[in-house]
Amino acid sequence: MHQERVQFETPVDANRYAQQLLKLDNQSPDYLGTAGWNFLQLEQFDKAIPYYEKVLEISDKWGSKPISFYNYTFLGWSYHETGQYKKESFIKKRCG
């Protein structure tokens, strides 16, 4: 399941489903990215951040890169929208 393919009636509905999936597997980068995306659609950037940070944390732990560059992009966007410019700059350097 890739986050760009997940569509439900509303972002609120989609988030409810993503939270249910995370109860089954809270280490799934796909499920975490989906939850983050749902918060972005609701413009709740502060709530999206922990999900994208967790994706990067898991990727680091596994010694891999996230499956999608959107994980970097959307985390950077969320940092920007919440005024966390130093963190945004770090993400830009990390994925660049």
PDB file of N, CA and C in Angstrom:
ATOM      1  N   MET A   1       0.850  -1.171   0.000  1.00  0.00           N
ATOM      2  CA  MET A   1       0.000   0.000   0.000  1.00  0.00           C
ATOM      3  C   MET A   1       0.891   1.226   0.000  1.00  0.00           C
ATOM      4  N   HIS A   2       0.823   2.029  -1.032  1.00  0.00           N
ATOM      5  CA  HIS A   2       1.584   3.269  -1.100  1.00  0.00           C
ATOM      6  C   HIS A   2       0.651   4.427  -0.827  1.00  0.00           C
ATOM      7  N   GLN A   3       1.169   5.408  -0.095  1.00  0.00           N
ATOM      8  CA  GLN A   3       0.325   6.499   0.364  1.00  0.00           C
ATOM      9  C   GLN A   3      -0.365   7.258  -0.770  1.00  0.00           C
ATOM     10  N   GLU A   4       0.261   7.369  -1.926  1.00  0.00           N
ATOM     11  CA  GLU A   4      -0.369   8.124  -3.001  1.00  0.00           C
ATOM     12  C   GLU A   4      -1.558   7.384  -3.629  1.00  0.00           C
ATOM     13  N   ARG A   5      -1.725   6.111  -3.320  1.00  0.00           N
ATOM     14  CA  ARG A   5      -2.841   5.339  -3.881  1.00  0.00           C
ATOM     15  C   ARG A   5      -4.020   5.216  -2.920  1.00  0.00           C
ATOM     16  N   VAL A   6      -3.839   5.604  -1.685  1.00  0.00           N
ATOM     17  CA  VAL A   6      -4.880   5.417  -0.690  1.00  0.00           C
ATOM     18  C   VAL A   6      -5.884   6.550  -0.787  1.00  0.00           C
ATOM     19  N   GLN A   7      -7.139   6.194  -1.042  1.00  0.00           N
ATOM     20  CA  GLN A   7      -8.197   7.201  -1.137  1.00  0.00           C
ATOM     21  C   GLN A   7      -9.444   6.677  -0.459  1.00  0.00           C
ATOM     22  N   PHE A   8      -9.989   7.489   0.400  1.00  0.00           N
ATOM     23  CA  PHE A   8     -11.239   7.187   1.068  1.00  0.00           C
ATOM     24  C   PHE A   8     -12.133   8.404   0.889  1.00  0.00           C
ATOM     25  N   GLU A   9     -13.254   8.422   1.551  1.00  0.00           N
ATOM     26  CA  GLU A   9     -14.203   9.507   1.355  1.00  0.00           C
ATOM     27  C   GLU A   9     -13.640  10.872   1.744  1.00  0.00           C
ATOM     28  N   THR A  10     -13.019  10.965   2.899  1.00  0.00           N
ATOM     29  CA  THR A  10     -12.436  12.231   3.359  1.00  0.00           C
ATOM     30  C   THR A  10     -11.099  11.925   4.022  1.00  0.00           C
ATOM     31  N   PRO A  11     -10.241  12.945   4.195  1.00  0.00           N
ATOM     32  CA  PRO A  11      -8.997  12.718   4.933  1.00  0.00           C
ATOM     33  C   PRO A  11      -9.249  12.237   6.367  1.00  0.00           C
ATOM     34  N   VAL A  12     -10.337  12.660   6.969  1.00  0.00           N
ATOM     35  CA  VAL A  12     -10.673  12.205   8.325  1.00  0.00           C
ATOM     36  C   VAL A  12     -10.941  10.701   8.314  1.00  0.00           C
ATOM     37  N   ASP A  13     -11.721  10.237   7.334  1.00  0.00           N
ATOM     38  CA  ASP A  13     -11.975   8.799   7.193  1.00  0.00           C
ATOM     39  C   ASP A  13     -10.670   8.047   6.939  1.00  0.00           C
ATOM     40  N   ALA A  14      -9.871   8.571   6.029  1.00  0.00           N
ATOM     41  CA  ALA A  14      -8.612   7.925   5.678  1.00  0.00           C
ATOM     42  C   ALA A  14      -7.707   7.834   6.897  1.00  0.00           C
ATOM     43  N   ASN A  15      -7.698   8.884   7.711  1.00  0.00           N
ATOM     44  CA  ASN A  15      -6.854   8.858   8.898  1.00  0.00           C
ATOM     45  C   ASN A  15      -7.337   7.809   9.896  1.00  0.00           C
ATOM     46  N   ARG A  16      -8.625   7.680  10.036  1.00  0.00           N
ATOM     47  CA  ARG A  16      -9.179   6.662  10.935  1.00  0.00           C
ATOM     48  C   ARG A  16      -8.723   5.271  10.493  1.00  0.00           C
ATOM     49  N   TYR A  17      -8.761   5.008   9.193  1.00  0.00           N
ATOM     50  CA  TYR A  17      -8.326   3.719   8.671  1.00  0.00           C
ATOM     51  C   TYR A  17      -6.813   3.526   8.844  1.00  0.00           C
ATOM     52  N   ALA A  18      -6.060   4.599   8.608  1.00  0.00           N
ATOM     53  CA  ALA A  18      -4.608   4.503   8.779  1.00  0.00           C
ATOM     54  C   ALA A  18      -4.251   4.200  10.230  1.00  0.00           C
ATOM     55  N   GLN A  19      -4.962   4.797  11.159  1.00  0.00           N
ATOM     56  CA  GLN A  19      -4.708   4.525  12.579  1.00  0.00           C
ATOM     57  C   GLN A  19      -5.011   3.068  12.916  1.00  0.00           C
ATOM     58  N   GLN A  20      -6.043   2.516  12.300  1.00  0.00           N
ATOM     59  CA  GLN A  20      -6.361   1.100  12.516  1.00  0.00           C
ATOM     60  C   GLN A  20      -5.240   0.210  11.980  1.00  0.00           C
ATOM     61  N   LEU A  21      -4.711   0.565  10.814  1.00  0.00           N
ATOM     62  CA  LEU A  21      -3.604  -0.202  10.244  1.00  0.00           C
ATOM     63  C   LEU A  21      -2.360  -0.109  11.124  1.00  0.00           C
ATOM     64  N   LEU A  22      -2.118   1.070  11.694  1.00  0.00           N
ATOM     65  CA  LEU A  22      -0.956   1.238  12.557  1.00  0.00           C
ATOM     66  C   LEU A  22      -1.070   0.420  13.841  1.00  0.00           C
ATOM     67  N   LYS A  23      -2.302   0.144  14.254  1.00  0.00           N
ATOM     68  CA  LYS A  23      -2.472  -0.729  15.421  1.00  0.00           C
ATOM     69  C   LYS A  23      -2.023  -2.152  15.084  1.00  0.00           C
ATOM     70  N   LEU A  24      -2.142  -2.527  13.823  1.00  0.00           N
ATOM     71  CA  LEU A  24      -1.695  -3.856  13.379  1.00  0.00           C
ATOM     72  C   LEU A  24      -0.175  -3.901  13.200  1.00  0.00           C
ATOM     73  N   ASP A  25       0.391  -2.806  12.683  1.00  0.00           N
ATOM     74  CA  ASP A  25       1.830  -2.760  12.419  1.00  0.00           C
ATOM     75  C   ASP A  25       2.308  -1.320  12.518  1.00  0.00           C
ATOM     76  N   ASN A  26       2.831  -0.949  13.681  1.00  0.00           N
ATOM     77  CA  ASN A  26       3.267   0.440  13.877  1.00  0.00           C
ATOM     78  C   ASN A  26       4.691   0.682  13.389  1.00  0.00           C
ATOM     79  N   GLN A  27       5.275  -0.304  12.709  1.00  0.00           N
ATOM     80  CA  GLN A  27       6.604  -0.165  12.120  1.00  0.00           C
ATOM     81  C   GLN A  27       6.548  -0.141  10.594  1.00  0.00           C
ATOM     82  N   SER A  28       5.359  -0.009  10.037  1.00  0.00           N
ATOM     83  CA  SER A  28       5.208   0.013   8.586  1.00  0.00           C
ATOM     84  C   SER A  28       5.401   1.432   8.046  1.00  0.00           C
ATOM     85  N   PRO A  29       6.475   1.653   7.279  1.00  0.00           N
ATOM     86  CA  PRO A  29       6.661   2.975   6.696  1.00  0.00           C
ATOM     87  C   PRO A  29       5.481   3.402   5.810  1.00  0.00           C
ATOM     88  N   ASP A  30       4.869   2.448   5.125  1.00  0.00           N
ATOM     89  CA  ASP A  30       3.711   2.779   4.284  1.00  0.00           C
ATOM     90  C   ASP A  30       2.551   3.300   5.121  1.00  0.00           C
ATOM     91  N   TYR A  31       2.239   2.622   6.204  1.00  0.00           N
ATOM     92  CA  TYR A  31       1.126   3.040   7.062  1.00  0.00           C
ATOM     93  C   TYR A  31       1.435   4.369   7.734  1.00  0.00           C
ATOM     94  N   LEU A  32       2.687   4.533   8.170  1.00  0.00           N
ATOM     95  CA  LEU A  32       3.080   5.794   8.800  1.00  0.00           C
ATOM     96  C   LEU A  32       3.004   6.946   7.805  1.00  0.00           C
ATOM     97  N   GLY A  33       3.487   6.710   6.589  1.00  0.00           N
ATOM     98  CA  GLY A  33       3.428   7.745   5.554  1.00  0.00           C
ATOM     99  C   GLY A  33       1.997   8.101   5.189  1.00  0.00           C
ATOM    100  N   THR A  34       1.141   7.105   5.168  1.00  0.00           N
ATOM    101  CA  THR A  34      -0.271   7.347   4.874  1.00  0.00           C
ATOM    102  C   THR A  34      -0.898   8.219   5.956  1.00  0.00           C
ATOM    103  N   ALA A  35      -0.608   7.909   7.206  1.00  0.00           N
ATOM    104  CA  ALA A  35      -1.150   8.718   8.304  1.00  0.00           C
ATOM    105  C   ALA A  35      -0.634  10.153   8.216  1.00  0.00           C
ATOM    106  N   GLY A  36       0.659  10.309   7.930  1.00  0.00           N
ATOM    107  CA  GLY A  36       1.218  11.652   7.774  1.00  0.00           C
ATOM    108  C   GLY A  36       0.542  12.410   6.643  1.00  0.00           C
ATOM    109  N   TRP A  37       0.339  11.746   5.520  1.00  0.00           N
ATOM    110  CA  TRP A  37      -0.306  12.369   4.362  1.00  0.00           C
ATOM    111  C   TRP A  37      -1.715  12.839   4.699  1.00  0.00           C
ATOM    112  N   ASN A  38      -2.434  12.044   5.457  1.00  0.00           N
ATOM    113  CA  ASN A  38      -3.796  12.434   5.824  1.00  0.00           C
ATOM    114  C   ASN A  38      -3.806  13.713   6.652  1.00  0.00           C
ATOM    115  N   PHE A  39      -2.841  13.851   7.548  1.00  0.00           N
ATOM    116  CA  PHE A  39      -2.760  15.094   8.328  1.00  0.00           C
ATOM    117  C   PHE A  39      -2.359  16.275   7.448  1.00  0.00           C
ATOM    118  N   LEU A  40      -1.502  16.033   6.451  1.00  0.00           N
ATOM    119  CA  LEU A  40      -1.150  17.120   5.524  1.00  0.00           C
ATOM    120  C   LEU A  40      -2.379  17.610   4.775  1.00  0.00           C
ATOM    121  N   GLN A  41      -3.218  16.689   4.343  1.00  0.00           N
ATOM    122  CA  GLN A  41      -4.431  17.084   3.628  1.00  0.00           C
ATOM    123  C   GLN A  41      -5.346  17.931   4.502  1.00  0.00           C
ATOM    124  N   LEU A  42      -5.280  17.724   5.795  1.00  0.00           N
ATOM    125  CA  LEU A  42      -6.078  18.509   6.739  1.00  0.00           C
ATOM    126  C   LEU A  42      -5.330  19.762   7.197  1.00  0.00           C
ATOM    127  N   GLU A  43      -4.137  19.978   6.637  1.00  0.00           N
ATOM    128  CA  GLU A  43      -3.257  21.088   7.003  1.00  0.00           C
ATOM    129  C   GLU A  43      -2.925  21.095   8.489  1.00  0.00           C
ATOM    130  N   GLN A  44      -2.785  19.892   9.040  1.00  0.00           N
ATOM    131  CA  GLN A  44      -2.372  19.713  10.430  1.00  0.00           C
ATOM    132  C   GLN A  44      -0.915  19.243  10.424  1.00  0.00           C
ATOM    133  N   PHE A  45      -0.051  20.177  10.029  1.00  0.00           N
ATOM    134  CA  PHE A  45       1.355  19.863   9.800  1.00  0.00           C
ATOM    135  C   PHE A  45       2.057  19.369  11.060  1.00  0.00           C
ATOM    136  N   ASP A  46       1.697  19.938  12.194  1.00  0.00           N
ATOM    137  CA  ASP A  46       2.324  19.511  13.447  1.00  0.00           C
ATOM    138  C   ASP A  46       2.010  18.052  13.766  1.00  0.00           C
ATOM    139  N   LYS A  47       0.858  17.585  13.351  1.00  0.00           N
ATOM    140  CA  LYS A  47       0.486  16.188  13.594  1.00  0.00           C
ATOM    141  C   LYS A  47       1.111  15.250  12.567  1.00  0.00           C
ATOM    142  N   ALA A  48       1.453  15.766  11.397  1.00  0.00           N
ATOM    143  CA  ALA A  48       2.078  14.940  10.356  1.00  0.00           C
ATOM    144  C   ALA A  48       3.540  14.643  10.683  1.00  0.00           C
ATOM    145  N   ILE A  49       4.198  15.572  11.345  1.00  0.00           N
ATOM    146  CA  ILE A  49       5.640  15.471  11.587  1.00  0.00           C
ATOM    147  C   ILE A  49       6.051  14.161  12.263  1.00  0.00           C
ATOM    148  N   PRO A  50       5.427  13.767  13.376  1.00  0.00           N
ATOM    149  CA  PRO A  50       5.896  12.534  14.028  1.00  0.00           C
ATOM    150  C   PRO A  50       5.822  11.290  13.142  1.00  0.00           C
ATOM    151  N   TYR A  51       4.848  11.254  12.254  1.00  0.00           N
ATOM    152  CA  TYR A  51       4.723  10.091  11.364  1.00  0.00           C
ATOM    153  C   TYR A  51       5.881  10.042  10.363  1.00  0.00           C
ATOM    154  N   TYR A  52       6.205  11.183   9.760  1.00  0.00           N
ATOM    155  CA  TYR A  52       7.308  11.200   8.803  1.00  0.00           C
ATOM    156  C   TYR A  52       8.656  11.029   9.493  1.00  0.00           C
ATOM    157  N   GLU A  53       8.807  11.578  10.696  1.00  0.00           N
ATOM    158  CA  GLU A  53      10.041  11.358  11.446  1.00  0.00           C
ATOM    159  C   GLU A  53      10.221   9.872  11.747  1.00  0.00           C
ATOM    160  N   LYS A  54       9.141   9.206  12.075  1.00  0.00           N
ATOM    161  CA  LYS A  54       9.194   7.766  12.380  1.00  0.00           C
ATOM    162  C   LYS A  54       9.583   6.964  11.134  1.00  0.00           C
ATOM    163  N   VAL A  55       9.086   7.367   9.963  1.00  0.00           N
ATOM    164  CA  VAL A  55       9.479   6.694   8.717  1.00  0.00           C
ATOM    165  C   VAL A  55      10.993   6.772   8.540  1.00  0.00           C
ATOM    166  N   LEU A  56      11.561   7.964   8.744  1.00  0.00           N
ATOM    167  CA  LEU A  56      13.007   8.119   8.579  1.00  0.00           C
ATOM    168  C   LEU A  56      13.771   7.357   9.661  1.00  0.00           C
ATOM    169  N   GLU A  57      13.251   7.354  10.875  1.00  0.00           N
ATOM    170  CA  GLU A  57      13.878   6.606  11.964  1.00  0.00           C
ATOM    171  C   GLU A  57      13.922   5.108  11.640  1.00  0.00           C
ATOM    172  N   ILE A  58      12.829   4.589  11.160  1.00  0.00           N
ATOM    173  CA  ILE A  58      12.767   3.166  10.796  1.00  0.00           C
ATOM    174  C   ILE A  58      13.712   2.871   9.641  1.00  0.00           C
ATOM    175  N   SER A  59      13.734   3.733   8.650  1.00  0.00           N
ATOM    176  CA  SER A  59      14.639   3.540   7.509  1.00  0.00           C
ATOM    177  C   SER A  59      16.089   3.517   7.969  1.00  0.00           C
ATOM    178  N   ASP A  60      16.446   4.449   8.869  1.00  0.00           N
ATOM    179  CA  ASP A  60      17.814   4.464   9.405  1.00  0.00           C
ATOM    180  C   ASP A  60      18.111   3.167  10.152  1.00  0.00           C
ATOM    181  N   LYS A  61      17.166   2.735  10.952  1.00  0.00           N
ATOM    182  CA  LYS A  61      17.326   1.500  11.734  1.00  0.00           C
ATOM    183  C   LYS A  61      17.533   0.298  10.811  1.00  0.00           C
ATOM    184  N   TRP A  62      16.820   0.280   9.705  1.00  0.00           N
ATOM    185  CA  TRP A  62      16.915  -0.817   8.752  1.00  0.00           C
ATOM    186  C   TRP A  62      18.097  -0.666   7.789  1.00  0.00           C
ATOM    187  N   GLY A  63      18.776   0.483   7.853  1.00  0.00           N
ATOM    188  CA  GLY A  63      19.908   0.721   6.959  1.00  0.00           C
ATOM    189  C   GLY A  63      19.483   0.939   5.523  1.00  0.00           C
ATOM    190  N   SER A  64      18.331   1.558   5.339  1.00  0.00           N
ATOM    191  CA  SER A  64      17.820   1.799   3.985  1.00  0.00           C
ATOM    192  C   SER A  64      17.310   3.231   3.873  1.00  0.00           C
ATOM    193  N   LYS A  65      16.867   3.562   2.693  1.00  0.00           N
ATOM    194  CA  LYS A  65      16.228   4.860   2.470  1.00  0.00           C
ATOM    195  C   LYS A  65      14.724   4.640   2.411  1.00  0.00           C
ATOM    196  N   PRO A  66      13.940   5.676   2.742  1.00  0.00           N
ATOM    197  CA  PRO A  66      12.483   5.536   2.630  1.00  0.00           C
ATOM    198  C   PRO A  66      12.083   5.145   1.211  1.00  0.00           C
ATOM    199  N   ILE A  67      10.985   4.439   1.104  1.00  0.00           N
ATOM    200  CA  ILE A  67      10.517   3.941  -0.181  1.00  0.00           C
ATOM    201  C   ILE A  67      10.158   5.086  -1.144  1.00  0.00           C
ATOM    202  N   SER A  68       9.830   6.234  -0.601  1.00  0.00           N
ATOM    203  CA  SER A  68       9.415   7.361  -1.442  1.00  0.00           C
ATOM    204  C   SER A  68      10.114   8.643  -0.998  1.00  0.00           C
ATOM    205  N   PHE A  69      10.527   9.451  -1.966  1.00  0.00           N
ATOM    206  CA  PHE A  69      11.124  10.744  -1.642  1.00  0.00           C
ATOM    207  C   PHE A  69      10.108  11.677  -0.991  1.00  0.00           C
ATOM    208  N   TYR A  70       8.823  11.356  -1.130  1.00  0.00           N
ATOM    209  CA  TYR A  70       7.789  12.183  -0.497  1.00  0.00           C
ATOM    210  C   TYR A  70       7.942  12.233   1.017  1.00  0.00           C
ATOM    211  N   ASN A  71       8.500  11.194   1.602  1.00  0.00           N
ATOM    212  CA  ASN A  71       8.700  11.203   3.049  1.00  0.00           C
ATOM    213  C   ASN A  71       9.602  12.367   3.452  1.00  0.00           C
ATOM    214  N   TYR A  72      10.646  12.640   2.659  1.00  0.00           N
ATOM    215  CA  TYR A  72      11.505  13.788   2.913  1.00  0.00           C
ATOM    216  C   TYR A  72      10.773  15.093   2.587  1.00  0.00           C
ATOM    217  N   THR A  73      10.165  15.120   1.423  1.00  0.00           N
ATOM    218  CA  THR A  73       9.501  16.335   0.948  1.00  0.00           C
ATOM    219  C   THR A  73       8.407  16.780   1.902  1.00  0.00           C
ATOM    220  N   PHE A  74       7.559  15.840   2.290  1.00  0.00           N
ATOM    221  CA  PHE A  74       6.427  16.203   3.148  1.00  0.00           C
ATOM    222  C   PHE A  74       6.868  16.537   4.566  1.00  0.00           C
ATOM    223  N   LEU A  75       7.939  15.896   5.045  1.00  0.00           N
ATOM    224  CA  LEU A  75       8.469  16.264   6.356  1.00  0.00           C
ATOM    225  C   LEU A  75       9.051  17.673   6.293  1.00  0.00           C
ATOM    226  N   GLY A  76       9.811  17.968   5.244  1.00  0.00           N
ATOM    227  CA  GLY A  76      10.359  19.318   5.084  1.00  0.00           C
ATOM    228  C   GLY A  76       9.274  20.371   4.991  1.00  0.00           C
ATOM    229  N   TRP A  77       8.232  20.061   4.252  1.00  0.00           N
ATOM    230  CA  TRP A  77       7.096  20.980   4.109  1.00  0.00           C
ATOM    231  C   TRP A  77       6.440  21.215   5.480  1.00  0.00           C
ATOM    232  N   SER A  78       6.266  20.151   6.236  1.00  0.00           N
ATOM    233  CA  SER A  78       5.644  20.254   7.560  1.00  0.00           C
ATOM    234  C   SER A  78       6.508  21.087   8.501  1.00  0.00           C
ATOM    235  N   TYR A  79       7.825  20.855   8.441  1.00  0.00           N
ATOM    236  CA  TYR A  79       8.723  21.688   9.256  1.00  0.00           C
ATOM    237  C   TYR A  79       8.589  23.155   8.862  1.00  0.00           C
ATOM    238  N   HIS A  80       8.553  23.416   7.567  1.00  0.00           N
ATOM    239  CA  HIS A  80       8.434  24.794   7.084  1.00  0.00           C
ATOM    240  C   HIS A  80       7.146  25.448   7.585  1.00  0.00           C
ATOM    241  N   GLU A  81       6.052  24.743   7.442  1.00  0.00           N
ATOM    242  CA  GLU A  81       4.750  25.294   7.827  1.00  0.00           C
ATOM    243  C   GLU A  81       4.623  25.517   9.339  1.00  0.00           C
ATOM    244  N   THR A  82       5.440  24.816  10.121  1.00  0.00           N
ATOM    245  CA  THR A  82       5.393  24.985  11.578  1.00  0.00           C
ATOM    246  C   THR A  82       6.552  25.853  12.077  1.00  0.00           C
ATOM    247  N   GLY A  83       7.277  26.483  11.151  1.00  0.00           N
ATOM    248  CA  GLY A  83       8.342  27.409  11.533  1.00  0.00           C
ATOM    249  C   GLY A  83       9.619  26.742  12.011  1.00  0.00           C
ATOM    250  N   GLN A  84       9.794  25.468  11.726  1.00  0.00           N
ATOM    251  CA  GLN A  84      10.987  24.740  12.154  1.00  0.00           C
ATOM    252  C   GLN A  84      12.008  24.730  11.010  1.00  0.00           C
ATOM    253  N   TYR A  85      12.557  25.915  10.726  1.00  0.00           N
ATOM    254  CA  TYR A  85      13.381  26.103   9.542  1.00  0.00           C
ATOM    255  C   TYR A  85      14.729  25.391   9.617  1.00  0.00           C
ATOM    256  N   LYS A  86      15.304  25.258  10.806  1.00  0.00           N
ATOM    257  CA  LYS A  86      16.572  24.533  10.922  1.00  0.00           C
ATOM    258  C   LYS A  86      16.369  23.054  10.592  1.00  0.00           C
ATOM    259  N   LYS A  87      15.276  22.497  11.081  1.00  0.00           N
ATOM    260  CA  LYS A  87      14.982  21.096  10.768  1.00  0.00           C
ATOM    261  C   LYS A  87      14.675  20.933   9.284  1.00  0.00           C
ATOM    262  N   GLU A  88      13.983  21.914   8.716  1.00  0.00           N
ATOM    263  CA  GLU A  88      13.690  21.862   7.281  1.00  0.00           C
ATOM    264  C   GLU A  88      14.995  21.867   6.489  1.00  0.00           C
ATOM    265  N   SER A  89      15.929  22.692   6.880  1.00  0.00           N
ATOM    266  CA  SER A  89      17.210  22.779   6.199  1.00  0.00           C
ATOM    267  C   SER A  89      17.975  21.462   6.309  1.00  0.00           C
ATOM    268  N   PHE A  90      17.920  20.837   7.484  1.00  0.00           N
ATOM    269  CA  PHE A  90      18.594  19.557   7.688  1.00  0.00           C
ATOM    270  C   PHE A  90      18.025  18.493   6.759  1.00  0.00           C
ATOM    271  N   ILE A  91      16.700  18.467   6.623  1.00  0.00           N
ATOM    272  CA  ILE A  91      16.049  17.474   5.742  1.00  0.00           C
ATOM    273  C   ILE A  91      16.469  17.715   4.300  1.00  0.00           C
ATOM    274  N   LYS A  92      16.541  18.977   3.893  1.00  0.00           N
ATOM    275  CA  LYS A  92      16.967  19.281   2.525  1.00  0.00           C
ATOM    276  C   LYS A  92      18.372  18.767   2.272  1.00  0.00           C
ATOM    277  N   LYS A  93      19.264  18.950   3.251  1.00  0.00           N
ATOM    278  CA  LYS A  93      20.642  18.465   3.101  1.00  0.00           C
ATOM    279  C   LYS A  93      20.684  16.935   3.094  1.00  0.00           C
ATOM    280  N   ARG A  94      19.859  16.334   3.930  1.00  0.00           N
ATOM    281  CA  ARG A  94      19.862  14.870   4.048  1.00  0.00           C
ATOM    282  C   ARG A  94      19.415  14.190   2.750  1.00  0.00           C
ATOM    283  N   CYS A  95      18.409  14.747   2.092  1.00  0.00           N
ATOM    284  CA  CYS A  95      17.910  14.083   0.888  1.00  0.00           C
ATOM    285  C   CYS A  95      18.579  14.602  -0.372  1.00  0.00           C
ATOM    286  N   GLY A  96      19.332  15.668  -0.264  1.00  0.00           N
ATOM    287  CA  GLY A  96      19.971  16.259  -1.436  1.00  0.00           C
ATOM    288  C   GLY A  96      21.190  15.564  -1.813  1.00  0.00           C
TER     289      GLY A  96
END
